């Protein structure tokens, strides 16, 4: 019993070390700062577009920029690109479901 417990404990320790090692490789602080500056620039573009008279394109432009910003945050700051494929698929399914609800709401209010 103790031998099996110690073997499982050692296996879990190896899995945790491997996951931590994979998760923190490859991203430098300068890259984070560059992405942060990009997010600030995209926020500035969103604010500038809000002041322009683009008609119906205002909502589409704002949602497109917000989608780009959310993908940057998910992939870089939340380390989604280092996760397993199945986890990324779940996130994509959740985002598609969210976009379906947003588009249904948009069509409901746009043609009312």
PDB file of N, CA and C in Angstrom:
ATOM      1  N   UNK A   1       0.822  -1.186   0.000  1.00  0.00           N
ATOM      2  CA  UNK A   1       0.000   0.000   0.000  1.00  0.00           C
ATOM      3  C   UNK A   1       0.871   1.256   0.000  1.00  0.00           C
ATOM      4  N   UNK A   2       1.885   1.291   0.854  1.00  0.00           N
ATOM      5  CA  UNK A   2       2.767   2.454   0.913  1.00  0.00           C
ATOM      6  C   UNK A   2       3.573   2.612  -0.369  1.00  0.00           C
ATOM      7  N   UNK A   3       3.921   1.489  -0.985  1.00  0.00           N
ATOM      8  CA  UNK A   3       4.699   1.544  -2.230  1.00  0.00           C
ATOM      9  C   UNK A   3       3.859   2.145  -3.351  1.00  0.00           C
ATOM     10  N   UNK A   4       2.608   1.753  -3.437  1.00  0.00           N
ATOM     11  CA  UNK A   4       1.723   2.305  -4.462  1.00  0.00           C
ATOM     12  C   UNK A   4       1.464   3.789  -4.216  1.00  0.00           C
ATOM     13  N   UNK A   5       1.285   4.170  -2.982  1.00  0.00           N
ATOM     14  CA  UNK A   5       1.070   5.569  -2.629  1.00  0.00           C
ATOM     15  C   UNK A   5       2.285   6.405  -3.012  1.00  0.00           C
ATOM     16  N   UNK A   6       3.477   5.939  -2.703  1.00  0.00           N
ATOM     17  CA  UNK A   6       4.682   6.707  -3.024  1.00  0.00           C
ATOM     18  C   UNK A   6       4.898   6.778  -4.531  1.00  0.00           C
ATOM     19  N   UNK A   7       4.538   5.711  -5.262  1.00  0.00           N
ATOM     20  CA  UNK A   7       4.669   5.725  -6.711  1.00  0.00           C
ATOM     21  C   UNK A   7       3.703   6.740  -7.326  1.00  0.00           C
ATOM     22  N   UNK A   8       2.476   6.782  -6.852  1.00  0.00           N
ATOM     23  CA  UNK A   8       1.502   7.761  -7.348  1.00  0.00           C
ATOM     24  C   UNK A   8       1.925   9.183  -6.999  1.00  0.00           C
ATOM     25  N   UNK A   9       2.442   9.354  -5.819  1.00  0.00           N
ATOM     26  CA  UNK A   9       2.883  10.687  -5.391  1.00  0.00           C
ATOM     27  C   UNK A   9       4.044  11.166  -6.265  1.00  0.00           C
ATOM     28  N   UNK A  10       4.982  10.285  -6.588  1.00  0.00           N
ATOM     29  CA  UNK A  10       6.107  10.638  -7.445  1.00  0.00           C
ATOM     30  C   UNK A  10       5.636  10.970  -8.863  1.00  0.00           C
ATOM     31  N   UNK A  11       4.661  10.217  -9.354  1.00  0.00           N
ATOM     32  CA  UNK A  11       4.114  10.481 -10.676  1.00  0.00           C
ATOM     33  C   UNK A  11       3.432  11.845 -10.729  1.00  0.00           C
ATOM     34  N   UNK A  12       2.650  12.168  -9.701  1.00  0.00           N
ATOM     35  CA  UNK A  12       1.993  13.481  -9.644  1.00  0.00           C
ATOM     36  C   UNK A  12       3.017  14.607  -9.564  1.00  0.00           C
ATOM     37  N   UNK A  13       4.076  14.391  -8.852  1.00  0.00           N
ATOM     38  CA  UNK A  13       5.134  15.397  -8.738  1.00  0.00           C
ATOM     39  C   UNK A  13       5.784  15.635 -10.094  1.00  0.00           C
ATOM     40  N   UNK A  14       6.036  14.572 -10.847  1.00  0.00           N
ATOM     41  CA  UNK A  14       6.625  14.713 -12.171  1.00  0.00           C
ATOM     42  C   UNK A  14       5.683  15.440 -13.123  1.00  0.00           C
ATOM     43  N   UNK A  15       4.403  15.139 -13.050  1.00  0.00           N
ATOM     44  CA  UNK A  15       3.421  15.803 -13.910  1.00  0.00           C
ATOM     45  C   UNK A  15       3.362  17.291 -13.592  1.00  0.00           C
ATOM     46  N   UNK A  16       3.365  17.654 -12.315  1.00  0.00           N
ATOM     47  CA  UNK A  16       3.320  19.060 -11.928  1.00  0.00           C
ATOM     48  C   UNK A  16       4.567  19.796 -12.376  1.00  0.00           C
ATOM     49  N   UNK A  17       5.726  19.192 -12.221  1.00  0.00           N
ATOM     50  CA  UNK A  17       6.967  19.834 -12.649  1.00  0.00           C
ATOM     51  C   UNK A  17       6.988  20.023 -14.160  1.00  0.00           C
ATOM     52  N   UNK A  18       6.524  19.016 -14.904  1.00  0.00           N
ATOM     53  CA  UNK A  18       6.493  19.107 -16.348  1.00  0.00           C
ATOM     54  C   UNK A  18       5.534  20.201 -16.796  1.00  0.00           C
ATOM     55  N   UNK A  19       4.356  20.308 -16.162  1.00  0.00           N
ATOM     56  CA  UNK A  19       3.377  21.329 -16.511  1.00  0.00           C
ATOM     57  C   UNK A  19       3.919  22.728 -16.214  1.00  0.00           C
ATOM     58  N   UNK A  20       4.558  22.916 -15.077  1.00  0.00           N
ATOM     59  CA  UNK A  20       5.125  24.213 -14.726  1.00  0.00           C
ATOM     60  C   UNK A  20       6.248  24.582 -15.687  1.00  0.00           C
ATOM     61  N   UNK A  21       7.046  23.611 -16.079  1.00  0.00           N
ATOM     62  CA  UNK A  21       8.151  23.884 -16.996  1.00  0.00           C
ATOM     63  C   UNK A  21       7.621  24.283 -18.369  1.00  0.00           C
ATOM     64  N   UNK A  22       6.582  23.599 -18.862  1.00  0.00           N
ATOM     65  CA  UNK A  22       6.015  23.915 -20.162  1.00  0.00           C
ATOM     66  C   UNK A  22       5.326  25.267 -20.158  1.00  0.00           C
ATOM     67  N   UNK A  23       4.727  25.616 -19.058  1.00  0.00           N
ATOM     68  CA  UNK A  23       3.908  26.811 -19.014  1.00  0.00           C
ATOM     69  C   UNK A  23       4.732  28.096 -19.039  1.00  0.00           C
ATOM     70  N   UNK A  24       5.920  28.086 -18.507  1.00  0.00           N
ATOM     71  CA  UNK A  24       6.657  29.336 -18.360  1.00  0.00           C
ATOM     72  C   UNK A  24       7.802  29.489 -19.354  1.00  0.00           C
ATOM     73  N   UNK A  25       7.915  28.607 -20.315  1.00  0.00           N
ATOM     74  CA  UNK A  25       8.962  28.744 -21.317  1.00  0.00           C
ATOM     75  C   UNK A  25       8.516  29.673 -22.431  1.00  0.00           C
ATOM     76  N   UNK A  26       9.435  30.481 -22.932  1.00  0.00           N
ATOM     77  CA  UNK A  26       9.214  31.189 -24.171  1.00  0.00           C
ATOM     78  C   UNK A  26       8.721  32.616 -24.106  1.00  0.00           C
ATOM     79  N   UNK A  27       8.114  33.091 -23.055  1.00  0.00           N
ATOM     80  CA  UNK A  27       7.589  34.456 -23.036  1.00  0.00           C
ATOM     81  C   UNK A  27       8.478  35.320 -22.154  1.00  0.00           C
ATOM     82  N   UNK A  28       8.940  36.399 -22.717  1.00  0.00           N
ATOM     83  CA  UNK A  28       9.801  37.342 -22.003  1.00  0.00           C
ATOM     84  C   UNK A  28       8.981  38.559 -21.568  1.00  0.00           C
ATOM     85  N   UNK A  29       9.511  39.320 -20.632  1.00  0.00           N
ATOM     86  CA  UNK A  29       8.793  40.494 -20.124  1.00  0.00           C
ATOM     87  C   UNK A  29       8.581  41.546 -21.203  1.00  0.00           C
ATOM     88  N   UNK A  30       9.538  41.704 -22.093  1.00  0.00           N
ATOM     89  CA  UNK A  30       9.388  42.673 -23.178  1.00  0.00           C
ATOM     90  C   UNK A  30       8.191  42.356 -24.066  1.00  0.00           C
ATOM     91  N   UNK A  31       7.938  41.075 -24.249  1.00  0.00           N
ATOM     92  CA  UNK A  31       6.789  40.654 -25.059  1.00  0.00           C
ATOM     93  C   UNK A  31       5.487  41.044 -24.373  1.00  0.00           C
ATOM     94  N   UNK A  32       5.431  40.878 -23.051  1.00  0.00           N
ATOM     95  CA  UNK A  32       4.248  41.301 -22.302  1.00  0.00           C
ATOM     96  C   UNK A  32       4.021  42.805 -22.432  1.00  0.00           C
ATOM     97  N   UNK A  33       5.074  43.564 -22.353  1.00  0.00           N
ATOM     98  CA  UNK A  33       4.949  45.019 -22.472  1.00  0.00           C
ATOM     99  C   UNK A  33       4.479  45.394 -23.872  1.00  0.00           C
ATOM    100  N   UNK A  34       4.995  44.703 -24.895  1.00  0.00           N
ATOM    101  CA  UNK A  34       4.576  44.967 -26.270  1.00  0.00           C
ATOM    102  C   UNK A  34       3.084  44.663 -26.459  1.00  0.00           C
ATOM    103  N   UNK A  35       2.620  43.564 -25.912  1.00  0.00           N
ATOM    104  CA  UNK A  35       1.197  43.223 -26.005  1.00  0.00           C
ATOM    105  C   UNK A  35       0.352  44.236 -25.235  1.00  0.00           C
ATOM    106  N   UNK A  36       0.851  44.654 -24.070  1.00  0.00           N
ATOM    107  CA  UNK A  36       0.131  45.661 -23.286  1.00  0.00           C
ATOM    108  C   UNK A  36       0.006  46.975 -24.064  1.00  0.00           C
ATOM    109  N   UNK A  37       1.078  47.397 -24.718  1.00  0.00           N
ATOM    110  CA  UNK A  37       1.019  48.620 -25.530  1.00  0.00           C
ATOM    111  C   UNK A  37       0.045  48.451 -26.698  1.00  0.00           C
ATOM    112  N   UNK A  38       0.004  47.259 -27.279  1.00  0.00           N
ATOM    113  CA  UNK A  38      -0.968  46.993 -28.336  1.00  0.00           C
ATOM    114  C   UNK A  38      -2.396  47.074 -27.838  1.00  0.00           C
ATOM    115  N   UNK A  39      -2.623  46.577 -26.634  1.00  0.00           N
ATOM    116  CA  UNK A  39      -3.963  46.674 -26.052  1.00  0.00           C
ATOM    117  C   UNK A  39      -4.353  48.129 -25.793  1.00  0.00           C
ATOM    118  N   UNK A  40      -3.409  48.921 -25.344  1.00  0.00           N
ATOM    119  CA  UNK A  40      -3.682  50.348 -25.131  1.00  0.00           C
ATOM    120  C   UNK A  40      -3.979  51.036 -26.458  1.00  0.00           C
ATOM    121  N   UNK A  41      -3.214  50.698 -27.503  1.00  0.00           N
ATOM    122  CA  UNK A  41      -3.455  51.280 -28.824  1.00  0.00           C
ATOM    123  C   UNK A  41      -4.831  50.885 -29.357  1.00  0.00           C
ATOM    124  N   UNK A  42      -5.209  49.626 -29.188  1.00  0.00           N
ATOM    125  CA  UNK A  42      -6.531  49.194 -29.637  1.00  0.00           C
ATOM    126  C   UNK A  42      -7.652  49.873 -28.850  1.00  0.00           C
ATOM    127  N   UNK A  43      -7.422  50.125 -27.563  1.00  0.00           N
ATOM    128  CA  UNK A  43      -8.401  50.871 -26.775  1.00  0.00           C
ATOM    129  C   UNK A  43      -8.531  52.300 -27.300  1.00  0.00           C
ATOM    130  N   UNK A  44      -7.409  52.916 -27.646  1.00  0.00           N
ATOM    131  CA  UNK A  44      -7.448  54.252 -28.234  1.00  0.00           C
ATOM    132  C   UNK A  44      -8.192  54.276 -29.555  1.00  0.00           C
ATOM    133  N   UNK A  45      -7.994  53.251 -30.370  1.00  0.00           N
ATOM    134  CA  UNK A  45      -8.720  53.162 -31.639  1.00  0.00           C
ATOM    135  C   UNK A  45     -10.215  52.998 -31.391  1.00  0.00           C
ATOM    136  N   UNK A  46     -10.578  52.218 -30.399  1.00  0.00           N
ATOM    137  CA  UNK A  46     -11.995  52.039 -30.063  1.00  0.00           C
ATOM    138  C   UNK A  46     -12.625  53.358 -29.631  1.00  0.00           C
ATOM    139  N   UNK A  47     -11.934  54.108 -28.793  1.00  0.00           N
ATOM    140  CA  UNK A  47     -12.455  55.401 -28.329  1.00  0.00           C
ATOM    141  C   UNK A  47     -12.559  56.378 -29.498  1.00  0.00           C
ATOM    142  N   UNK A  48     -11.577  56.371 -30.387  1.00  0.00           N
ATOM    143  CA  UNK A  48     -11.609  57.263 -31.552  1.00  0.00           C
ATOM    144  C   UNK A  48     -12.769  56.900 -32.474  1.00  0.00           C
ATOM    145  N   UNK A  49     -12.975  55.620 -32.716  1.00  0.00           N
ATOM    146  CA  UNK A  49     -14.082  55.188 -33.581  1.00  0.00           C
ATOM    147  C   UNK A  49     -15.435  55.513 -32.976  1.00  0.00           C
ATOM    148  N   UNK A  50     -15.523  55.519 -31.648  1.00  0.00           N
ATOM    149  CA  UNK A  50     -16.793  55.840 -30.998  1.00  0.00           C
ATOM    150  C   UNK A  50     -17.187  57.287 -31.262  1.00  0.00           C
ATOM    151  N   UNK A  51     -16.211  58.163 -31.457  1.00  0.00           N
ATOM    152  CA  UNK A  51     -16.499  59.561 -31.727  1.00  0.00           C
ATOM    153  C   UNK A  51     -16.788  59.851 -33.188  1.00  0.00           C
ATOM    154  N   UNK A  52     -16.538  58.899 -34.058  1.00  0.00           N
ATOM    155  CA  UNK A  52     -16.778  59.086 -35.490  1.00  0.00           C
ATOM    156  C   UNK A  52     -18.202  58.667 -35.843  1.00  0.00           C
ATOM    157  N   UNK A  53     -18.709  59.216 -36.917  1.00  0.00           N
ATOM    158  CA  UNK A  53     -20.036  58.860 -37.391  1.00  0.00           C
ATOM    159  C   UNK A  53     -19.890  57.759 -38.443  1.00  0.00           C
ATOM    160  N   UNK A  54     -19.884  56.515 -38.004  1.00  0.00           N
ATOM    161  CA  UNK A  54     -19.729  55.394 -38.923  1.00  0.00           C
ATOM    162  C   UNK A  54     -21.052  54.674 -39.199  1.00  0.00           C
ATOM    163  N   UNK A  55     -22.119  55.170 -38.632  1.00  0.00           N
ATOM    164  CA  UNK A  55     -23.425  54.561 -38.855  1.00  0.00           C
ATOM    165  C   UNK A  55     -23.527  53.201 -38.182  1.00  0.00           C
ATOM    166  N   UNK A  56     -23.972  52.216 -38.930  1.00  0.00           N
ATOM    167  CA  UNK A  56     -24.128  50.868 -38.379  1.00  0.00           C
ATOM    168  C   UNK A  56     -22.779  50.167 -38.169  1.00  0.00           C
ATOM    169  N   UNK A  57     -21.740  50.687 -38.760  1.00  0.00           N
ATOM    170  CA  UNK A  57     -20.420  50.056 -38.655  1.00  0.00           C
ATOM    171  C   UNK A  57     -19.771  50.283 -37.296  1.00  0.00           C
ATOM    172  N   UNK A  58     -20.310  51.168 -36.478  1.00  0.00           N
ATOM    173  CA  UNK A  58     -19.736  51.436 -35.159  1.00  0.00           C
ATOM    174  C   UNK A  58     -19.748  50.177 -34.300  1.00  0.00           C
ATOM    175  N   UNK A  59     -20.855  49.485 -34.268  1.00  0.00           N
ATOM    176  CA  UNK A  59     -20.969  48.284 -33.430  1.00  0.00           C
ATOM    177  C   UNK A  59     -20.059  47.181 -33.953  1.00  0.00           C
ATOM    178  N   UNK A  60     -20.053  46.990 -35.255  1.00  0.00           N
ATOM    179  CA  UNK A  60     -19.215  45.943 -35.848  1.00  0.00           C
ATOM    180  C   UNK A  60     -17.740  46.236 -35.610  1.00  0.00           C
ATOM    181  N   UNK A  61     -17.336  47.493 -35.757  1.00  0.00           N
ATOM    182  CA  UNK A  61     -15.947  47.873 -35.519  1.00  0.00           C
ATOM    183  C   UNK A  61     -15.562  47.678 -34.056  1.00  0.00           C
ATOM    184  N   UNK A  62     -16.420  48.125 -33.156  1.00  0.00           N
ATOM    185  CA  UNK A  62     -16.125  47.989 -31.725  1.00  0.00           C
ATOM    186  C   UNK A  62     -16.040  46.524 -31.308  1.00  0.00           C
ATOM    187  N   UNK A  63     -16.946  45.684 -31.801  1.00  0.00           N
ATOM    188  CA  UNK A  63     -16.914  44.264 -31.462  1.00  0.00           C
ATOM    189  C   UNK A  63     -15.705  43.558 -32.078  1.00  0.00           C
ATOM    190  N   UNK A  64     -15.297  43.977 -33.262  1.00  0.00           N
ATOM    191  CA  UNK A  64     -14.104  43.387 -33.891  1.00  0.00           C
ATOM    192  C   UNK A  64     -12.849  43.712 -33.095  1.00  0.00           C
ATOM    193  N   UNK A  65     -12.714  44.960 -32.696  1.00  0.00           N
ATOM    194  CA  UNK A  65     -11.548  45.352 -31.899  1.00  0.00           C
ATOM    195  C   UNK A  65     -11.576  44.666 -30.542  1.00  0.00           C
ATOM    196  N   UNK A  66     -12.760  44.560 -29.937  1.00  0.00           N
ATOM    197  CA  UNK A  66     -12.874  43.863 -28.649  1.00  0.00           C
ATOM    198  C   UNK A  66     -12.515  42.388 -28.792  1.00  0.00           C
ATOM    199  N   UNK A  67     -12.859  41.773 -29.910  1.00  0.00           N
ATOM    200  CA  UNK A  67     -12.505  40.369 -30.142  1.00  0.00           C
ATOM    201  C   UNK A  67     -11.000  40.194 -30.258  1.00  0.00           C
ATOM    202  N   UNK A  68     -10.353  41.100 -30.960  1.00  0.00           N
ATOM    203  CA  UNK A  68      -8.891  41.052 -31.083  1.00  0.00           C
ATOM    204  C   UNK A  68      -8.235  41.210 -29.715  1.00  0.00           C
ATOM    205  N   UNK A  69      -8.740  42.154 -28.935  1.00  0.00           N
ATOM    206  CA  UNK A  69      -8.178  42.368 -27.599  1.00  0.00           C
ATOM    207  C   UNK A  69      -8.393  41.159 -26.700  1.00  0.00           C
ATOM    208  N   UNK A  70      -9.563  40.554 -26.778  1.00  0.00           N
ATOM    209  CA  UNK A  70      -9.811  39.383 -25.933  1.00  0.00           C
ATOM    210  C   UNK A  70      -8.937  38.203 -26.339  1.00  0.00           C
ATOM    211  N   UNK A  71      -8.688  38.028 -27.622  1.00  0.00           N
ATOM    212  CA  UNK A  71      -7.810  36.947 -28.060  1.00  0.00           C
ATOM    213  C   UNK A  71      -6.374  37.186 -27.583  1.00  0.00           C
ATOM    214  N   UNK A  72      -5.931  38.433 -27.598  1.00  0.00           N
ATOM    215  CA  UNK A  72      -4.591  38.737 -27.076  1.00  0.00           C
ATOM    216  C   UNK A  72      -4.496  38.416 -25.587  1.00  0.00           C
ATOM    217  N   UNK A  73      -5.500  38.812 -24.840  1.00  0.00           N
ATOM    218  CA  UNK A  73      -5.486  38.558 -23.399  1.00  0.00           C
ATOM    219  C   UNK A  73      -5.557  37.059 -23.120  1.00  0.00           C
ATOM    220  N   UNK A  74      -6.438  36.358 -23.819  1.00  0.00           N
ATOM    221  CA  UNK A  74      -6.566  34.916 -23.599  1.00  0.00           C
ATOM    222  C   UNK A  74      -5.284  34.165 -23.947  1.00  0.00           C
ATOM    223  N   UNK A  75      -4.709  34.474 -25.085  1.00  0.00           N
ATOM    224  CA  UNK A  75      -3.531  33.727 -25.537  1.00  0.00           C
ATOM    225  C   UNK A  75      -2.261  34.086 -24.780  1.00  0.00           C
ATOM    226  N   UNK A  76      -2.062  35.344 -24.492  1.00  0.00           N
ATOM    227  CA  UNK A  76      -0.790  35.777 -23.915  1.00  0.00           C
ATOM    228  C   UNK A  76      -0.853  35.829 -22.395  1.00  0.00           C
ATOM    229  N   UNK A  77      -1.754  36.634 -21.847  1.00  0.00           N
ATOM    230  CA  UNK A  77      -1.769  36.841 -20.406  1.00  0.00           C
ATOM    231  C   UNK A  77      -2.364  35.660 -19.636  1.00  0.00           C
ATOM    232  N   UNK A  78      -3.301  34.944 -20.246  1.00  0.00           N
ATOM    233  CA  UNK A  78      -3.893  33.791 -19.567  1.00  0.00           C
ATOM    234  C   UNK A  78      -3.241  32.478 -20.005  1.00  0.00           C
ATOM    235  N   UNK A  79      -2.210  32.570 -20.844  1.00  0.00           N
ATOM    236  CA  UNK A  79      -1.394  31.426 -21.287  1.00  0.00           C
ATOM    237  C   UNK A  79      -2.216  30.335 -21.954  1.00  0.00           C
ATOM    238  N   UNK A  80      -3.247  30.706 -22.703  1.00  0.00           N
ATOM    239  CA  UNK A  80      -4.077  29.717 -23.365  1.00  0.00           C
ATOM    240  C   UNK A  80      -3.306  28.974 -24.448  1.00  0.00           C
ATOM    241  N   UNK A  81      -2.356  29.641 -25.067  1.00  0.00           N
ATOM    242  CA  UNK A  81      -1.636  28.976 -26.144  1.00  0.00           C
ATOM    243  C   UNK A  81      -0.693  27.884 -25.629  1.00  0.00           C
ATOM    244  N   UNK A  82      -0.481  27.824 -24.323  1.00  0.00           N
ATOM    245  CA  UNK A  82       0.348  26.769 -23.744  1.00  0.00           C
ATOM    246  C   UNK A  82      -0.483  25.620 -23.170  1.00  0.00           C
ATOM    247  N   UNK A  83      -1.796  25.732 -23.227  1.00  0.00           N
ATOM    248  CA  UNK A  83      -2.663  24.706 -22.653  1.00  0.00           C
ATOM    249  C   UNK A  83      -2.880  23.561 -23.644  1.00  0.00           C
ATOM    250  N   UNK A  84      -3.498  22.500 -23.150  1.00  0.00           N
ATOM    251  CA  UNK A  84      -3.809  21.359 -23.999  1.00  0.00           C
ATOM    252  C   UNK A  84      -4.836  21.745 -25.060  1.00  0.00           C
ATOM    253  N   UNK A  85      -4.866  20.961 -26.120  1.00  0.00           N
ATOM    254  CA  UNK A  85      -5.757  21.259 -27.237  1.00  0.00           C
ATOM    255  C   UNK A  85      -7.227  21.188 -26.827  1.00  0.00           C
ATOM    256  N   UNK A  86      -7.597  20.251 -26.004  1.00  0.00           N
ATOM    257  CA  UNK A  86      -8.994  20.083 -25.610  1.00  0.00           C
ATOM    258  C   UNK A  86      -9.489  21.299 -24.817  1.00  0.00           C
ATOM    259  N   UNK A  87      -8.625  21.884 -24.009  1.00  0.00           N
ATOM    260  CA  UNK A  87      -8.996  23.077 -23.253  1.00  0.00           C
ATOM    261  C   UNK A  87      -9.224  24.249 -24.209  1.00  0.00           C
ATOM    262  N   UNK A  88      -8.366  24.384 -25.214  1.00  0.00           N
ATOM    263  CA  UNK A  88      -8.545  25.452 -26.203  1.00  0.00           C
ATOM    264  C   UNK A  88      -9.836  25.262 -26.982  1.00  0.00           C
ATOM    265  N   UNK A  89     -10.195  24.007 -27.276  1.00  0.00           N
ATOM    266  CA  UNK A  89     -11.450  23.734 -27.988  1.00  0.00           C
ATOM    267  C   UNK A  89     -12.639  24.162 -27.138  1.00  0.00           C
ATOM    268  N   UNK A  90     -12.595  23.886 -25.836  1.00  0.00           N
ATOM    269  CA  UNK A  90     -13.676  24.316 -24.947  1.00  0.00           C
ATOM    270  C   UNK A  90     -13.814  25.840 -24.934  1.00  0.00           C
ATOM    271  N   UNK A  91     -12.711  26.545 -24.931  1.00  0.00           N
ATOM    272  CA  UNK A  91     -12.762  28.011 -24.947  1.00  0.00           C
ATOM    273  C   UNK A  91     -13.355  28.507 -26.257  1.00  0.00           C
ATOM    274  N   UNK A  92     -12.974  27.904 -27.368  1.00  0.00           N
ATOM    275  CA  UNK A  92     -13.521  28.301 -28.670  1.00  0.00           C
ATOM    276  C   UNK A  92     -15.029  28.036 -28.720  1.00  0.00           C
ATOM    277  N   UNK A  93     -15.467  26.899 -28.217  1.00  0.00           N
ATOM    278  CA  UNK A  93     -16.900  26.587 -28.195  1.00  0.00           C
ATOM    279  C   UNK A  93     -17.656  27.608 -27.347  1.00  0.00           C
ATOM    280  N   UNK A  94     -17.095  27.979 -26.206  1.00  0.00           N
ATOM    281  CA  UNK A  94     -17.732  28.993 -25.353  1.00  0.00           C
ATOM    282  C   UNK A  94     -17.809  30.342 -26.066  1.00  0.00           C
ATOM    283  N   UNK A  95     -16.748  30.708 -26.767  1.00  0.00           N
ATOM    284  CA  UNK A  95     -16.752  31.991 -27.478  1.00  0.00           C
ATOM    285  C   UNK A  95     -17.737  31.987 -28.647  1.00  0.00           C
ATOM    286  N   UNK A  96     -17.834  30.879 -29.371  1.00  0.00           N
ATOM    287  CA  UNK A  96     -18.801  30.785 -30.467  1.00  0.00           C
ATOM    288  C   UNK A  96     -20.225  30.873 -29.922  1.00  0.00           C
ATOM    289  N   UNK A  97     -20.486  30.198 -28.819  1.00  0.00           N
ATOM    290  CA  UNK A  97     -21.807  30.279 -28.194  1.00  0.00           C
ATOM    291  C   UNK A  97     -22.117  31.719 -27.781  1.00  0.00           C
ATOM    292  N   UNK A  98     -21.138  32.387 -27.205  1.00  0.00           N
ATOM    293  CA  UNK A  98     -21.321  33.786 -26.812  1.00  0.00           C
ATOM    294  C   UNK A  98     -21.603  34.667 -28.027  1.00  0.00           C
ATOM    295  N   UNK A  99     -20.882  34.442 -29.121  1.00  0.00           N
ATOM    296  CA  UNK A  99     -21.094  35.243 -30.331  1.00  0.00           C
ATOM    297  C   UNK A  99     -22.485  34.979 -30.923  1.00  0.00           C
ATOM    298  N   UNK A 100     -22.968  33.765 -30.813  1.00  0.00           N
ATOM    299  CA  UNK A 100     -24.321  33.467 -31.292  1.00  0.00           C
ATOM    300  C   UNK A 100     -25.345  34.266 -30.489  1.00  0.00           C
ATOM    301  N   UNK A 101     -25.189  34.291 -29.167  1.00  0.00           N
ATOM    302  CA  UNK A 101     -26.117  35.066 -28.340  1.00  0.00           C
ATOM    303  C   UNK A 101     -26.026  36.561 -28.619  1.00  0.00           C
ATOM    304  N   UNK A 102     -24.817  37.069 -28.814  1.00  0.00           N
ATOM    305  CA  UNK A 102     -24.657  38.500 -29.134  1.00  0.00           C
ATOM    306  C   UNK A 102     -25.306  38.819 -30.474  1.00  0.00           C
ATOM    307  N   UNK A 103     -25.080  37.971 -31.480  1.00  0.00           N
ATOM    308  CA  UNK A 103     -25.667  38.243 -32.795  1.00  0.00           C
ATOM    309  C   UNK A 103     -27.193  38.143 -32.756  1.00  0.00           C
ATOM    310  N   UNK A 104     -27.723  37.203 -31.995  1.00  0.00           N
ATOM    311  CA  UNK A 104     -29.185  37.111 -31.875  1.00  0.00           C
ATOM    312  C   UNK A 104     -29.755  38.356 -31.197  1.00  0.00           C
ATOM    313  N   UNK A 105     -29.061  38.843 -30.191  1.00  0.00           N
ATOM    314  CA  UNK A 105     -29.501  40.066 -29.527  1.00  0.00           C
ATOM    315  C   UNK A 105     -29.393  41.262 -30.464  1.00  0.00           C
ATOM    316  N   UNK A 106     -28.324  41.325 -31.248  1.00  0.00           N
ATOM    317  CA  UNK A 106     -28.125  42.421 -32.187  1.00  0.00           C
ATOM    318  C   UNK A 106     -29.239  42.449 -33.225  1.00  0.00           C
ATOM    319  N   UNK A 107     -29.583  41.292 -33.782  1.00  0.00           N
ATOM    320  CA  UNK A 107     -30.637  41.256 -34.788  1.00  0.00           C
ATOM    321  C   UNK A 107     -31.998  41.570 -34.191  1.00  0.00           C
ATOM    322  N   UNK A 108     -32.208  41.227 -32.931  1.00  0.00           N
ATOM    323  CA  UNK A 108     -33.460  41.528 -32.284  1.00  0.00           C
ATOM    324  C   UNK A 108     -33.628  43.044 -32.114  1.00  0.00           C
ATOM    325  N   UNK A 109     -32.577  43.735 -31.707  1.00  0.00           N
ATOM    326  CA  UNK A 109     -32.658  45.175 -31.504  1.00  0.00           C
ATOM    327  C   UNK A 109     -32.470  45.966 -32.782  1.00  0.00           C
ATOM    328  N   UNK A 110     -31.741  45.424 -33.739  1.00  0.00           N
ATOM    329  CA  UNK A 110     -31.479  46.175 -34.973  1.00  0.00           C
ATOM    330  C   UNK A 110     -32.713  46.297 -35.850  1.00  0.00           C
ATOM    331  N   UNK A 111     -33.602  45.320 -35.788  1.00  0.00           N
ATOM    332  CA  UNK A 111     -34.758  45.324 -36.672  1.00  0.00           C
ATOM    333  C   UNK A 111     -36.062  45.555 -35.923  1.00  0.00           C
ATOM    334  N   UNK A 112     -35.981  46.093 -34.737  1.00  0.00           N
ATOM    335  CA  UNK A 112     -37.179  46.328 -33.953  1.00  0.00           C
ATOM    336  C   UNK A 112     -37.743  47.685 -34.205  1.00  0.00           C
TER     337      UNK A 112
END
